[in-house]
Protein backbone atom coordinates (compact mmCIF):
# COMPACT_ATOMS: atom_id res chain seq x y z
CA MET A 1 10.99 -3.60 -27.40
CA THR A 2 13.54 -1.77 -24.90
CA SER A 3 16.09 -4.05 -23.53
CA ALA A 4 14.56 -3.25 -20.06
CA THR A 5 11.52 -4.86 -21.22
CA SER A 6 13.12 -8.03 -22.76
CA LEU A 7 15.07 -8.05 -19.44
CA VAL A 8 12.01 -8.42 -17.34
CA ALA A 9 10.41 -10.62 -19.43
CA ASP A 10 13.30 -13.03 -18.74
CA HIS A 11 13.24 -12.65 -15.50
CA HIS A 12 9.38 -13.15 -15.06
CA SER A 13 9.58 -16.21 -17.16
CA ILE A 14 11.29 -17.83 -13.94
CA GLY A 15 9.50 -15.69 -11.19
CA PRO A 16 10.76 -12.98 -9.31
CA GLU A 17 13.23 -13.00 -6.48
CA ILE A 18 12.27 -13.88 -3.00
CA LEU A 19 13.54 -12.84 0.42
CA SER A 20 13.02 -14.41 3.48
CA VAL A 21 11.71 -11.78 6.18
CA THR A 22 11.61 -12.00 9.36
CA ALA A 23 10.24 -9.19 11.57
CA ALA A 24 11.49 -8.78 15.07
CA ASP A 25 8.63 -10.56 17.21
CA GLY A 26 9.71 -13.84 15.09
CA THR A 27 7.07 -13.15 12.05
CA ARG A 28 7.97 -14.49 8.51
CA SER A 29 6.83 -13.23 4.88
CA GLU A 30 8.39 -13.56 1.30
CA LEU A 31 8.94 -10.41 -0.06
CA LEU A 32 8.90 -10.35 -4.03
CA LEU A 33 11.25 -8.63 -5.80
CA LEU A 34 11.17 -7.60 -9.56
CA THR A 35 14.23 -5.49 -11.59
CA ALA A 36 15.33 -5.46 -15.22
CA GLU A 37 18.67 -4.31 -13.72
CA PRO A 38 21.28 -5.78 -11.01
CA SER A 39 21.92 -2.75 -9.37
CA PRO A 40 18.33 -0.67 -10.20
CA ARG A 41 18.86 3.27 -9.23
CA GLN A 42 14.72 3.67 -8.23
CA VAL A 43 12.86 1.19 -6.30
CA LEU A 44 8.96 0.99 -5.44
CA TYR A 45 8.44 -0.70 -1.95
CA TRP A 46 4.54 -1.33 -2.49
CA LEU A 47 1.87 -2.55 -0.30
CA PRO A 48 -0.72 -4.27 -0.78
CA ALA A 49 -4.56 -3.83 -0.55
CA MET A 50 -6.16 -5.25 2.71
CA GLY A 51 -6.29 -8.94 2.49
CA VAL A 52 -4.67 -8.97 -1.27
CA PRO A 53 -1.62 -11.66 -1.51
CA ALA A 54 1.71 -9.96 -2.80
CA LYS A 55 1.80 -11.64 -5.98
CA HIS A 56 -1.08 -10.18 -7.15
CA TYR A 57 0.77 -7.44 -7.99
CA LEU A 58 3.27 -9.29 -9.88
CA PRO A 59 1.77 -7.72 -13.68
CA LEU A 60 2.16 -4.00 -12.19
CA ALA A 61 5.57 -5.30 -10.19
CA MET A 62 6.77 -6.34 -14.13
CA ALA A 63 5.33 -3.12 -15.66
CA MET A 64 7.34 -0.71 -13.61
CA ALA A 65 10.53 -2.73 -14.09
CA GLY A 66 10.05 -2.93 -17.93
CA GLN A 67 9.43 1.21 -16.99
CA GLY A 68 13.35 0.79 -15.40
CA VAL A 69 12.20 1.29 -11.49
CA ALA A 70 12.52 -1.67 -9.82
CA VAL A 71 9.51 -2.99 -7.40
CA ALA A 72 9.55 -5.11 -3.79
CA LEU A 73 6.24 -6.63 -3.27
CA HIS A 74 5.10 -6.34 0.63
CA GLU A 75 2.85 -9.41 2.02
CA TRP A 76 0.75 -8.22 4.92
CA ARG A 77 0.68 -10.15 7.76
CA GLY A 78 -1.75 -12.71 8.03
CA ILE A 79 -1.79 -12.88 4.42
CA GLY A 80 -0.09 -14.72 1.48
CA SER A 81 2.89 -15.79 2.45
CA SER A 82 2.86 -15.29 5.87
CA ASP A 83 3.25 -17.66 8.52
CA ARG A 84 0.75 -16.09 10.75
CA ARG A 85 -2.92 -16.42 10.26
CA ALA A 86 -5.78 -14.50 12.60
CA GLY A 87 -7.44 -16.36 14.83
CA ARG A 88 -9.22 -16.13 18.30
CA HIS A 89 -5.63 -16.76 20.18
CA VAL A 90 -3.37 -14.63 17.23
CA ASP A 91 -4.24 -11.14 16.92
CA TRP A 92 -2.23 -8.06 16.32
CA GLY A 93 -3.27 -4.64 14.48
CA TYR A 94 -1.92 -1.38 12.37
CA ARG A 95 1.27 -1.29 15.34
CA GLU A 96 2.43 -4.64 14.36
CA LEU A 97 2.27 -3.88 10.41
CA LEU A 98 4.31 -0.53 10.99
CA ALA A 99 5.87 -1.11 13.75
CA ALA A 100 7.21 -4.48 13.28
CA ASP A 101 6.83 -5.87 9.57
CA LEU A 102 7.22 -2.93 7.78
CA PRO A 103 10.79 -2.01 8.97
CA ALA A 104 11.62 -5.49 8.28
CA GLY A 105 10.50 -5.61 4.75
CA VAL A 106 12.32 -2.02 4.13
CA GLN A 107 15.42 -3.10 5.73
CA ALA A 108 15.49 -6.47 3.37
CA MET A 109 15.21 -4.24 0.49
CA ARG A 110 17.91 -1.75 1.32
CA GLU A 111 20.09 -4.98 2.23
CA ARG A 112 20.01 -6.06 -1.64
CA TRP A 113 19.47 -2.98 -3.11
CA PRO A 114 21.88 -0.02 -1.15
CA GLN A 115 21.98 1.97 -4.40
CA ALA A 116 18.74 2.18 -4.62
CA THR A 117 16.41 5.67 -4.13
CA CYS A 118 13.43 4.37 -2.86
CA THR A 119 9.55 5.68 -3.24
CA LEU A 120 6.57 4.38 -0.88
CA GLY A 121 3.43 2.74 -2.36
CA GLY A 122 -0.12 1.57 -2.19
CA HIS A 123 -3.45 0.67 -3.19
CA SER A 124 -6.15 0.73 -1.50
CA LEU A 125 -5.40 0.63 2.66
CA GLY A 126 -2.00 -0.51 1.60
CA GLY A 127 -1.81 3.26 0.62
CA GLN A 128 -3.12 4.44 3.68
CA LEU A 129 -0.98 2.84 5.23
CA ALA A 130 1.83 3.92 3.32
CA CYS A 131 1.33 7.22 3.94
CA LEU A 132 1.50 6.41 8.18
CA TYR A 133 4.79 4.52 7.71
CA ALA A 134 6.28 7.92 5.74
CA ALA A 135 4.78 10.10 8.28
CA LEU A 136 7.18 7.71 11.00
CA HIS A 137 10.26 8.22 8.58
CA PRO A 138 10.15 11.09 6.66
CA ASP A 139 13.54 10.91 5.91
CA ALA A 140 14.05 6.99 4.42
CA PHE A 141 11.52 7.70 1.08
CA SER A 142 11.51 10.24 -1.69
CA GLY A 143 7.65 10.23 -1.98
CA ILE A 144 4.56 8.69 -2.22
CA ALA A 145 2.33 6.58 -4.74
CA LEU A 146 -1.17 5.90 -3.98
CA VAL A 147 -3.61 4.10 -6.15
CA ALA A 148 -7.41 3.36 -5.83
CA SER A 149 -6.96 5.02 -1.75
CA GLY A 150 -7.61 7.27 0.22
CA ALA A 151 -8.97 7.54 4.06
CA PRO A 152 -11.88 5.31 5.04
CA TYR A 153 -14.00 8.16 6.38
CA TRP A 154 -18.03 7.33 6.35
CA ARG A 155 -18.70 10.96 5.81
CA ARG A 156 -16.96 11.20 2.65
CA PHE A 157 -18.45 8.42 0.78
CA ARG A 158 -21.67 8.24 -1.56
CA ARG A 159 -22.92 5.20 0.00
CA ARG A 160 -21.94 6.38 3.40
CA TYR A 161 -24.87 4.71 5.49
CA ALA A 162 -23.87 1.66 4.70
CA ILE A 163 -19.72 2.04 4.89
CA GLY A 164 -20.74 3.30 8.49
CA ALA A 165 -22.87 0.46 9.35
CA ALA A 166 -19.97 -1.75 8.02
CA TYR A 167 -17.53 0.10 10.18
CA LEU A 168 -19.89 -1.09 13.26
CA LEU A 169 -20.52 -4.52 12.25
CA ALA A 170 -17.37 -5.69 11.05
CA PRO A 171 -15.32 -5.51 14.52
CA LEU A 172 -18.47 -6.93 16.44
CA LEU A 173 -17.85 -9.54 13.74
CA ALA A 174 -14.47 -10.00 14.29
CA ASN A 175 -14.64 -10.29 18.10
CA THR A 176 -17.05 -12.69 18.00
CA LEU A 177 -15.66 -15.30 15.99
CA GLY A 178 -12.36 -14.62 16.81
CA HIS A 179 -11.00 -12.63 13.25
CA LEU A 180 -12.66 -11.04 10.65
CA PRO A 181 -13.71 -13.95 7.92
CA GLY A 182 -13.49 -11.58 4.82
CA ARG A 183 -13.23 -14.74 1.94
CA ARG A 184 -16.49 -15.36 3.11
CA ILE A 185 -18.24 -12.20 3.20
CA GLY A 186 -16.42 -10.82 -0.01
CA PHE A 187 -14.58 -7.83 1.59
CA GLY A 188 -10.39 -8.30 2.18
CA GLY A 189 -9.03 -11.42 4.04
CA ASN A 190 -9.20 -13.16 7.45
CA GLU A 191 -8.44 -9.98 8.89
CA ALA A 192 -7.15 -9.82 12.24
CA ARG A 193 -9.32 -8.52 15.10
CA GLY A 194 -6.79 -5.76 15.93
CA VAL A 195 -6.74 -4.44 12.09
CA ILE A 196 -10.18 -4.55 12.07
CA ALA A 197 -10.34 -2.73 15.43
CA ASP A 198 -8.03 0.23 13.77
CA TRP A 199 -9.24 0.25 10.44
CA SER A 200 -12.97 1.02 11.42
CA ARG A 201 -11.79 3.40 14.20
CA SER A 202 -10.44 5.58 11.53
CA GLY A 203 -13.59 5.10 9.36
CA ARG A 204 -16.11 5.72 12.14
CA GLY A 205 -14.30 8.82 13.34
CA GLY A 206 -15.77 10.56 16.51
CA ARG A 207 -12.90 13.53 15.70
CA GLY A 208 -13.50 13.29 11.65
CA GLY A 209 -11.45 9.86 10.88
CA ARG A 210 -8.42 10.24 12.76
CA TYR A 211 -5.87 7.67 12.10
CA ALA A 212 -4.22 5.66 15.30
CA ALA A 213 -2.69 2.76 16.19
CA LYS A 214 -3.30 0.53 19.50
CA GLY A 215 -0.66 0.15 21.54
CA LEU A 216 1.96 2.65 19.11
CA GLY A 217 2.02 5.61 21.39
CA VAL A 218 2.41 8.33 18.88
CA ASP A 219 -0.12 10.86 16.96
CA LEU A 220 -0.22 10.05 13.57
CA GLU A 221 -2.25 12.88 12.76
CA GLN A 222 0.00 14.98 13.75
CA ARG A 223 3.15 13.26 12.28
CA LEU A 224 0.89 12.84 8.85
CA ALA A 225 0.54 17.05 9.35
CA LEU A 226 3.90 17.42 8.97
CA LEU A 227 5.10 15.24 6.35
CA ARG A 228 6.52 17.37 3.04
CA GLN A 229 7.43 14.26 0.76
CA PRO A 230 5.74 15.06 -2.85
CA VAL A 231 2.81 12.31 -3.28
CA LEU A 232 1.34 11.14 -6.69
CA ALA A 233 -1.93 9.86 -6.19
CA LEU A 234 -4.08 8.20 -8.73
CA ARG A 235 -7.63 8.26 -8.29
CA LEU A 236 -9.86 5.50 -10.67
CA ARG A 237 -12.91 7.37 -12.48
CA ASP A 238 -15.77 4.28 -11.25
CA ASP A 239 -14.12 3.34 -8.41
CA TRP A 240 -16.76 3.62 -5.55
CA LEU A 241 -14.54 2.40 -2.92
CA GLY A 242 -12.53 5.23 -3.23
CA PRO A 243 -14.24 8.11 -4.43
CA ALA A 244 -12.58 11.68 -4.91
CA ALA A 245 -13.96 12.93 -1.20
CA SER A 246 -12.25 10.04 0.68
CA LEU A 247 -9.12 10.60 -1.58
CA GLY A 248 -9.40 14.87 -0.90
CA TRP A 249 -10.04 13.69 2.93
CA LEU A 250 -5.92 11.90 3.24
CA LEU A 251 -4.59 14.14 1.23
CA GLY A 252 -5.80 16.72 3.45
CA LYS A 253 -4.75 15.62 6.42
CA MET A 254 -0.67 16.25 4.39
CA PRO A 255 -1.25 19.68 3.58
CA ARG A 256 2.68 20.53 3.84
CA ALA A 257 3.43 17.25 1.05
CA LEU A 258 3.86 18.60 -2.83
CA GLN A 259 0.85 16.44 -4.06
CA GLN A 260 -0.27 15.36 -7.86
CA THR A 261 -3.44 13.87 -8.22
CA ASP A 262 -4.87 12.17 -12.07
CA VAL A 263 -7.77 10.17 -12.75
CA ILE A 264 -7.46 7.07 -15.05
CA MET A 265 -10.08 6.38 -17.45
CA PRO A 266 -11.96 3.23 -18.87
CA ASP A 267 -9.99 3.69 -22.69
CA GLU A 268 -6.80 3.48 -20.48
CA LEU A 269 -7.31 -0.11 -19.50
CA GLU A 270 -8.30 -1.56 -22.55
CA GLY A 271 -11.55 -1.66 -21.92
CA ARG A 272 -11.69 -2.99 -18.21
CA PRO A 273 -13.64 -1.05 -15.60
CA ALA A 274 -12.08 1.95 -13.94
CA ASP A 275 -12.71 0.74 -10.32
CA HIS A 276 -10.97 -0.39 -7.60
CA PHE A 277 -9.70 -3.81 -8.53
CA ALA A 278 -9.64 -4.49 -12.04
CA TRP A 279 -6.93 -2.42 -13.19
CA MET A 280 -4.53 -5.03 -11.70
CA LYS A 281 -5.06 -6.72 -14.45
CA GLN A 282 -3.50 -3.86 -16.48
CA PRO A 283 -1.19 -1.96 -15.08
CA ASP A 284 0.66 -0.13 -17.93
CA ALA A 285 -1.07 3.29 -17.46
CA ILE A 286 -0.43 3.40 -13.94
CA ALA A 287 3.00 1.93 -14.33
CA SER A 288 3.64 4.99 -16.73
CA ARG A 289 2.18 7.14 -14.48
CA MET A 290 4.12 6.02 -11.85
CA ALA A 291 7.68 5.91 -13.16
CA GLY A 292 7.25 9.58 -15.12
CA TRP A 293 6.64 10.48 -11.52
CA ILE A 294 9.05 8.70 -9.59
CA ASP A 295 11.76 9.80 -12.23
CA ALA A 296 11.17 13.12 -12.14
CA ARG A 297 10.85 13.05 -8.20
CA ASN A 298 13.87 11.41 -7.89
CA ALA A 299 15.89 13.25 -10.34
CA ALA A 300 17.05 15.95 -7.42
CA PHE A 301 16.44 13.46 -4.29
CA LEU A 302 19.74 12.19 -2.48
CA VAL A 303 19.63 8.53 -1.43
CA PRO A 304 18.62 7.85 1.79
CA GLY A 305 20.36 5.82 4.74
CA THR A 306 19.08 2.38 5.28
């Protein structure tokens, strides 16, 4: 066992470090930090999938830290430790996630680890929002790491008509009830109407699944097209929620970025299905791929300013 792995095991036994984060509008949440070193040189700032609390990625964080990469686990507004819950009188969309919550979390991480080079990464919707946030802040990150992610444009899925119907029905349900009851219907968490509106709009896509955040006032597609940060995209072989065509559609929005893609097979997950969520319980193979890529990319990257 390496010294880094030993340190992580000792740290994990007492839990991650927890930072309280307050966004510009007063929304509060917890940022989970895990590292094997007191002053890590590399950090992965990780964005969860829709409706998934940050704590469910602690196995990934532990595996990454064992590979020498510290991890900061972001908490989405309305999920887990967040002090907000979506409802008829409490709403938000991509604008709040991108312009309020993420800047606060990234700043807190940088204040804690100012010496570290930062890679931005995410799972599923978290990967999409990682691309959007990096496009808005192109000098802040050394690269983008995606796992089981891809653009939601309905035409890029094998079950395209069912997916397309979901993009029509989900906003209607959210508007009727005041939020999307994801816990009850088995999709996502209890999601805000605005998040579902922005998500479903990019899935329906009158002009080919374009990203937009209501009220943000920025052309996100244009920013993505200008992005030059390197991208690592790991796809799970049996993931119908993140098929190759969906991932390709997302990567196609960033033609200037140096892109590396790879496929994770079932035998790399100790017998678990290579699907959208099962990898989270056995993340070693994915952690190894990401850590190796981060090491290679960050060797020539200057530490960005805060």
